[in-house]
Amino acid sequence: MIKVKARAGESIQQMVKRFKKMCEKEGLIRDIKRNSYYEKPSEANRRKRKKSARMARITSSNRI
């Protein structure tokens, strides 16, 4: 659960901006967008395979 406490002299707009950044950093917005519609299990598996292949490429290129 994301909580934002007011800092000394901080306006409401600044607090909202901090809250949005925290939500984005946690991946909350991405999850909400992804869960807003039904995703078939085959599409979910395809997305996970694509993500793992991308990560494998990134890690293998960093080791060189």
PDB file of N, CA and C in Angstrom:
ATOM      1  N   MET A   1       0.842  -1.168   0.000  1.00  0.00           N
ATOM      2  CA  MET A   1       0.000   0.000   0.000  1.00  0.00           C
ATOM      3  C   MET A   1       0.893   1.239   0.000  1.00  0.00           C
ATOM      4  N   ILE A   2       0.600   2.150  -0.871  1.00  0.00           N
ATOM      5  CA  ILE A   2       1.414   3.351  -1.022  1.00  0.00           C
ATOM      6  C   ILE A   2       0.837   4.457  -0.143  1.00  0.00           C
ATOM      7  N   LYS A   3       1.691   5.042   0.664  1.00  0.00           N
ATOM      8  CA  LYS A   3       1.275   6.144   1.527  1.00  0.00           C
ATOM      9  C   LYS A   3       2.193   7.329   1.279  1.00  0.00           C
ATOM     10  N   VAL A   4       1.618   8.509   1.291  1.00  0.00           N
ATOM     11  CA  VAL A   4       2.379   9.741   1.109  1.00  0.00           C
ATOM     12  C   VAL A   4       2.082  10.645   2.293  1.00  0.00           C
ATOM     13  N   LYS A   5       3.121  10.978   3.027  1.00  0.00           N
ATOM     14  CA  LYS A   5       2.958  11.889   4.160  1.00  0.00           C
ATOM     15  C   LYS A   5       3.434  13.269   3.732  1.00  0.00           C
ATOM     16  N   ALA A   6       2.745  14.275   4.222  1.00  0.00           N
ATOM     17  CA  ALA A   6       3.082  15.651   3.864  1.00  0.00           C
ATOM     18  C   ALA A   6       4.403  16.056   4.498  1.00  0.00           C
ATOM     19  N   ARG A   7       5.220  16.671   3.695  1.00  0.00           N
ATOM     20  CA  ARG A   7       6.478  17.218   4.198  1.00  0.00           C
ATOM     21  C   ARG A   7       6.236  18.673   4.594  1.00  0.00           C
ATOM     22  N   ALA A   8       7.156  19.237   5.326  1.00  0.00           N
ATOM     23  CA  ALA A   8       7.013  20.618   5.778  1.00  0.00           C
ATOM     24  C   ALA A   8       7.015  21.559   4.585  1.00  0.00           C
ATOM     25  N   GLY A   9       5.975  22.367   4.476  1.00  0.00           N
ATOM     26  CA  GLY A   9       5.886  23.361   3.410  1.00  0.00           C
ATOM     27  C   GLY A   9       5.565  22.783   2.048  1.00  0.00           C
ATOM     28  N   GLU A  10       5.068  21.552   1.986  1.00  0.00           N
ATOM     29  CA  GLU A  10       4.774  20.918   0.699  1.00  0.00           C
ATOM     30  C   GLU A  10       3.310  21.153   0.328  1.00  0.00           C
ATOM     31  N   SER A  11       3.090  21.522  -0.931  1.00  0.00           N
ATOM     32  CA  SER A  11       1.718  21.755  -1.377  1.00  0.00           C
ATOM     33  C   SER A  11       1.054  20.432  -1.767  1.00  0.00           C
ATOM     34  N   ILE A  12      -0.248  20.506  -1.940  1.00  0.00           N
ATOM     35  CA  ILE A  12      -1.021  19.316  -2.328  1.00  0.00           C
ATOM     36  C   ILE A  12      -0.583  18.830  -3.704  1.00  0.00           C
ATOM     37  N   GLN A  13      -0.314  19.744  -4.625  1.00  0.00           N
ATOM     38  CA  GLN A  13       0.111  19.365  -5.978  1.00  0.00           C
ATOM     39  C   GLN A  13       1.421  18.580  -5.936  1.00  0.00           C
ATOM     40  N   GLN A  14       2.334  18.991  -5.074  1.00  0.00           N
ATOM     41  CA  GLN A  14       3.601  18.282  -4.946  1.00  0.00           C
ATOM     42  C   GLN A  14       3.398  16.882  -4.368  1.00  0.00           C
ATOM     43  N   MET A  15       2.458  16.769  -3.428  1.00  0.00           N
ATOM     44  CA  MET A  15       2.159  15.460  -2.839  1.00  0.00           C
ATOM     45  C   MET A  15       1.554  14.528  -3.886  1.00  0.00           C
ATOM     46  N   VAL A  16       0.647  15.053  -4.704  1.00  0.00           N
ATOM     47  CA  VAL A  16       0.026  14.243  -5.751  1.00  0.00           C
ATOM     48  C   VAL A  16       1.075  13.791  -6.756  1.00  0.00           C
ATOM     49  N   LYS A  17       1.992  14.690  -7.093  1.00  0.00           N
ATOM     50  CA  LYS A  17       3.063  14.358  -8.024  1.00  0.00           C
ATOM     51  C   LYS A  17       3.947  13.248  -7.460  1.00  0.00           C
ATOM     52  N   ARG A  18       4.279  13.335  -6.167  1.00  0.00           N
ATOM     53  CA  ARG A  18       5.073  12.290  -5.521  1.00  0.00           C
ATOM     54  C   ARG A  18       4.329  10.963  -5.507  1.00  0.00           C
ATOM     55  N   PHE A  19       3.015  11.018  -5.239  1.00  0.00           N
ATOM     56  CA  PHE A  19       2.192   9.811  -5.215  1.00  0.00           C
ATOM     57  C   PHE A  19       2.177   9.145  -6.584  1.00  0.00           C
ATOM     58  N   LYS A  20       2.009   9.934  -7.642  1.00  0.00           N
ATOM     59  CA  LYS A  20       1.989   9.371  -8.993  1.00  0.00           C
ATOM     60  C   LYS A  20       3.319   8.716  -9.341  1.00  0.00           C
ATOM     61  N   LYS A  21       4.425   9.360  -8.948  1.00  0.00           N
ATOM     62  CA  LYS A  21       5.751   8.790  -9.210  1.00  0.00           C
ATOM     63  C   LYS A  21       5.928   7.472  -8.469  1.00  0.00           C
ATOM     64  N   MET A  22       5.447   7.424  -7.233  1.00  0.00           N
ATOM     65  CA  MET A  22       5.561   6.191  -6.453  1.00  0.00           C
ATOM     66  C   MET A  22       4.746   5.074  -7.082  1.00  0.00           C
ATOM     67  N   CYS A  23       3.538   5.396  -7.570  1.00  0.00           N
ATOM     68  CA  CYS A  23       2.696   4.403  -8.228  1.00  0.00           C
ATOM     69  C   CYS A  23       3.368   3.883  -9.493  1.00  0.00           C
ATOM     70  N   GLU A  24       3.960   4.783 -10.249  1.00  0.00           N
ATOM     71  CA  GLU A  24       4.638   4.395 -11.480  1.00  0.00           C
ATOM     72  C   GLU A  24       5.850   3.526 -11.171  1.00  0.00           C
ATOM     73  N   LYS A  25       6.590   3.873 -10.146  1.00  0.00           N
ATOM     74  CA  LYS A  25       7.783   3.125  -9.768  1.00  0.00           C
ATOM     75  C   LYS A  25       7.429   1.716  -9.311  1.00  0.00           C
ATOM     76  N   GLU A  26       6.326   1.566  -8.612  1.00  0.00           N
ATOM     77  CA  GLU A  26       5.871   0.263  -8.133  1.00  0.00           C
ATOM     78  C   GLU A  26       5.280  -0.593  -9.249  1.00  0.00           C
ATOM     79  N   GLY A  27       4.963   0.013 -10.385  1.00  0.00           N
ATOM     80  CA  GLY A  27       4.365  -0.740 -11.486  1.00  0.00           C
ATOM     81  C   GLY A  27       2.870  -0.895 -11.334  1.00  0.00           C
ATOM     82  N   LEU A  28       2.286  -0.108 -10.473  1.00  0.00           N
ATOM     83  CA  LEU A  28       0.859  -0.213 -10.195  1.00  0.00           C
ATOM     84  C   LEU A  28       0.017   0.176 -11.410  1.00  0.00           C
ATOM     85  N   ILE A  29       0.405   1.256 -12.073  1.00  0.00           N
ATOM     86  CA  ILE A  29      -0.356   1.727 -13.231  1.00  0.00           C
ATOM     87  C   ILE A  29      -0.285   0.710 -14.364  1.00  0.00           C
ATOM     88  N   ARG A  30       0.895   0.137 -14.561  1.00  0.00           N
ATOM     89  CA  ARG A  30       1.077  -0.861 -15.626  1.00  0.00           C
ATOM     90  C   ARG A  30       0.196  -2.077 -15.364  1.00  0.00           C
ATOM     91  N   ASP A  31       0.133  -2.528 -14.097  1.00  0.00           N
ATOM     92  CA  ASP A  31      -0.702  -3.674 -13.751  1.00  0.00           C
ATOM     93  C   ASP A  31      -2.178  -3.379 -13.967  1.00  0.00           C
ATOM     94  N   ILE A  32      -2.609  -2.183 -13.598  1.00  0.00           N
ATOM     95  CA  ILE A  32      -4.013  -1.819 -13.771  1.00  0.00           C
ATOM     96  C   ILE A  32      -4.376  -1.806 -15.255  1.00  0.00           C
ATOM     97  N   LYS A  33      -3.497  -1.230 -16.073  1.00  0.00           N
ATOM     98  CA  LYS A  33      -3.772  -1.197 -17.507  1.00  0.00           C
ATOM     99  C   LYS A  33      -3.804  -2.601 -18.093  1.00  0.00           C
ATOM    100  N   ARG A  34      -2.896  -3.460 -17.643  1.00  0.00           N
ATOM    101  CA  ARG A  34      -2.843  -4.821 -18.176  1.00  0.00           C
ATOM    102  C   ARG A  34      -4.061  -5.631 -17.739  1.00  0.00           C
ATOM    103  N   ASN A  35      -4.559  -5.396 -16.534  1.00  0.00           N
ATOM    104  CA  ASN A  35      -5.701  -6.147 -16.025  1.00  0.00           C
ATOM    105  C   ASN A  35      -7.038  -5.519 -16.386  1.00  0.00           C
ATOM    106  N   SER A  36      -7.034  -4.428 -17.127  1.00  0.00           N
ATOM    107  CA  SER A  36      -8.298  -3.771 -17.461  1.00  0.00           C
ATOM    108  C   SER A  36      -9.066  -4.525 -18.542  1.00  0.00           C
ATOM    109  N   TYR A  37      -8.411  -5.452 -19.211  1.00  0.00           N
ATOM    110  CA  TYR A  37      -9.084  -6.276 -20.216  1.00  0.00           C
ATOM    111  C   TYR A  37      -8.585  -7.703 -20.075  1.00  0.00           C
ATOM    112  N   TYR A  38      -9.367  -8.653 -20.619  1.00  0.00           N
ATOM    113  CA  TYR A  38      -9.017 -10.055 -20.504  1.00  0.00           C
ATOM    114  C   TYR A  38      -7.866 -10.393 -21.435  1.00  0.00           C
ATOM    115  N   GLU A  39      -6.900 -11.101 -20.909  1.00  0.00           N
ATOM    116  CA  GLU A  39      -5.774 -11.563 -21.708  1.00  0.00           C
ATOM    117  C   GLU A  39      -5.814 -13.093 -21.717  1.00  0.00           C
ATOM    118  N   LYS A  40      -5.842 -13.655 -22.910  1.00  0.00           N
ATOM    119  CA  LYS A  40      -5.882 -15.105 -23.019  1.00  0.00           C
ATOM    120  C   LYS A  40      -4.601 -15.692 -22.434  1.00  0.00           C
ATOM    121  N   PRO A  41      -4.699 -16.900 -21.871  1.00  0.00           N
ATOM    122  CA  PRO A  41      -3.506 -17.526 -21.294  1.00  0.00           C
ATOM    123  C   PRO A  41      -2.371 -17.686 -22.305  1.00  0.00           C
ATOM    124  N   SER A  42      -2.702 -17.974 -23.557  1.00  0.00           N
ATOM    125  CA  SER A  42      -1.649 -18.123 -24.566  1.00  0.00           C
ATOM    126  C   SER A  42      -0.941 -16.789 -24.808  1.00  0.00           C
ATOM    127  N   GLU A  43      -1.681 -15.693 -24.776  1.00  0.00           N
ATOM    128  CA  GLU A  43      -1.067 -14.379 -24.955  1.00  0.00           C
ATOM    129  C   GLU A  43      -0.206 -14.016 -23.747  1.00  0.00           C
ATOM    130  N   ALA A  44      -0.650 -14.396 -22.555  1.00  0.00           N
ATOM    131  CA  ALA A  44       0.142 -14.134 -21.353  1.00  0.00           C
ATOM    132  C   ALA A  44       1.453 -14.914 -21.410  1.00  0.00           C
ATOM    133  N   ASN A  45       1.386 -16.181 -21.836  1.00  0.00           N
ATOM    134  CA  ASN A  45       2.602 -16.985 -21.957  1.00  0.00           C
ATOM    135  C   ASN A  45       3.534 -16.398 -22.998  1.00  0.00           C
ATOM    136  N   ARG A  46       2.989 -15.935 -24.108  1.00  0.00           N
ATOM    137  CA  ARG A  46       3.803 -15.333 -25.166  1.00  0.00           C
ATOM    138  C   ARG A  46       4.506 -14.078 -24.645  1.00  0.00           C
ATOM    139  N   ARG A  47       3.773 -13.252 -23.890  1.00  0.00           N
ATOM    140  CA  ARG A  47       4.351 -12.035 -23.332  1.00  0.00           C
ATOM    141  C   ARG A  47       5.472 -12.370 -22.348  1.00  0.00           C
ATOM    142  N   LYS A  48       5.269 -13.394 -21.511  1.00  0.00           N
ATOM    143  CA  LYS A  48       6.288 -13.790 -20.543  1.00  0.00           C
ATOM    144  C   LYS A  48       7.529 -14.349 -21.239  1.00  0.00           C
ATOM    145  N   ARG A  49       7.334 -15.158 -22.296  1.00  0.00           N
ATOM    146  CA  ARG A  49       8.474 -15.698 -23.045  1.00  0.00           C
ATOM    147  C   ARG A  49       9.267 -14.578 -23.700  1.00  0.00           C
ATOM    148  N   LYS A  50       8.539 -13.614 -24.273  1.00  0.00           N
ATOM    149  CA  LYS A  50       9.199 -12.492 -24.937  1.00  0.00           C
ATOM    150  C   LYS A  50      10.002 -11.676 -23.925  1.00  0.00           C
ATOM    151  N   LYS A  51       9.435 -11.459 -22.744  1.00  0.00           N
ATOM    152  CA  LYS A  51      10.128 -10.703 -21.709  1.00  0.00           C
ATOM    153  C   LYS A  51      11.376 -11.447 -21.244  1.00  0.00           C
ATOM    154  N   SER A  52      11.273 -12.763 -21.032  1.00  0.00           N
ATOM    155  CA  SER A  52      12.436 -13.519 -20.568  1.00  0.00           C
ATOM    156  C   SER A  52      13.521 -13.570 -21.630  1.00  0.00           C
ATOM    157  N   ALA A  53      13.141 -13.648 -22.911  1.00  0.00           N
ATOM    158  CA  ALA A  53      14.132 -13.637 -23.989  1.00  0.00           C
ATOM    159  C   ALA A  53      14.845 -12.291 -24.039  1.00  0.00           C
ATOM    160  N   ARG A  54      14.094 -11.219 -23.856  1.00  0.00           N
ATOM    161  CA  ARG A  54      14.689  -9.879 -23.855  1.00  0.00           C
ATOM    162  C   ARG A  54      15.662  -9.723 -22.693  1.00  0.00           C
ATOM    163  N   MET A  55      15.270 -10.208 -21.517  1.00  0.00           N
ATOM    164  CA  MET A  55      16.147 -10.124 -20.358  1.00  0.00           C
ATOM    165  C   MET A  55      17.398 -10.979 -20.547  1.00  0.00           C
ATOM    166  N   ALA A  56      17.262 -12.141 -21.167  1.00  0.00           N
ATOM    167  CA  ALA A  56      18.411 -13.005 -21.416  1.00  0.00           C
ATOM    168  C   ALA A  56      19.392 -12.325 -22.363  1.00  0.00           C
ATOM    169  N   ARG A  57      18.856 -11.654 -23.381  1.00  0.00           N
ATOM    170  CA  ARG A  57      19.718 -10.925 -24.315  1.00  0.00           C
ATOM    171  C   ARG A  57      20.466  -9.801 -23.612  1.00  0.00           C
ATOM    172  N   ILE A  58      19.766  -9.094 -22.747  1.00  0.00           N
ATOM    173  CA  ILE A  58      20.377  -7.972 -22.033  1.00  0.00           C
ATOM    174  C   ILE A  58      21.482  -8.473 -21.107  1.00  0.00           C
ATOM    175  N   THR A  59      21.208  -9.544 -20.350  1.00  0.00           N
ATOM    176  CA  THR A  59      22.215 -10.050 -19.413  1.00  0.00           C
ATOM    177  C   THR A  59      23.408 -10.644 -20.158  1.00  0.00           C
ATOM    178  N   SER A  60      23.164 -11.306 -21.286  1.00  0.00           N
ATOM    179  CA  SER A  60      24.286 -11.893 -22.020  1.00  0.00           C
ATOM    180  C   SER A  60      25.137 -10.814 -22.668  1.00  0.00           C
ATOM    181  N   SER A  61      24.548  -9.713 -23.092  1.00  0.00           N
ATOM    182  CA  SER A  61      25.334  -8.639 -23.697  1.00  0.00           C
ATOM    183  C   SER A  61      26.122  -7.865 -22.655  1.00  0.00           C
ATOM    184  N   ASN A  62      25.648  -7.849 -21.409  1.00  0.00           N
ATOM    185  CA  ASN A  62      26.357  -7.154 -20.337  1.00  0.00           C
ATOM    186  C   ASN A  62      27.552  -7.943 -19.837  1.00  0.00           C
ATOM    187  N   ARG A  63      27.570  -9.231 -20.049  1.00  0.00           N
ATOM    188  CA  ARG A  63      28.654 -10.076 -19.532  1.00  0.00           C
ATOM    189  C   ARG A  63      29.894 -10.030 -20.400  1.00  0.00           C
ATOM    190  N   ILE A  64      29.775  -9.547 -21.584  1.00  0.00           N
ATOM    191  CA  ILE A  64      30.917  -9.530 -22.515  1.00  0.00           C
ATOM    192  C   ILE A  64      31.920  -8.476 -22.151  1.00  0.00           C
TER     193      ILE A  64
END
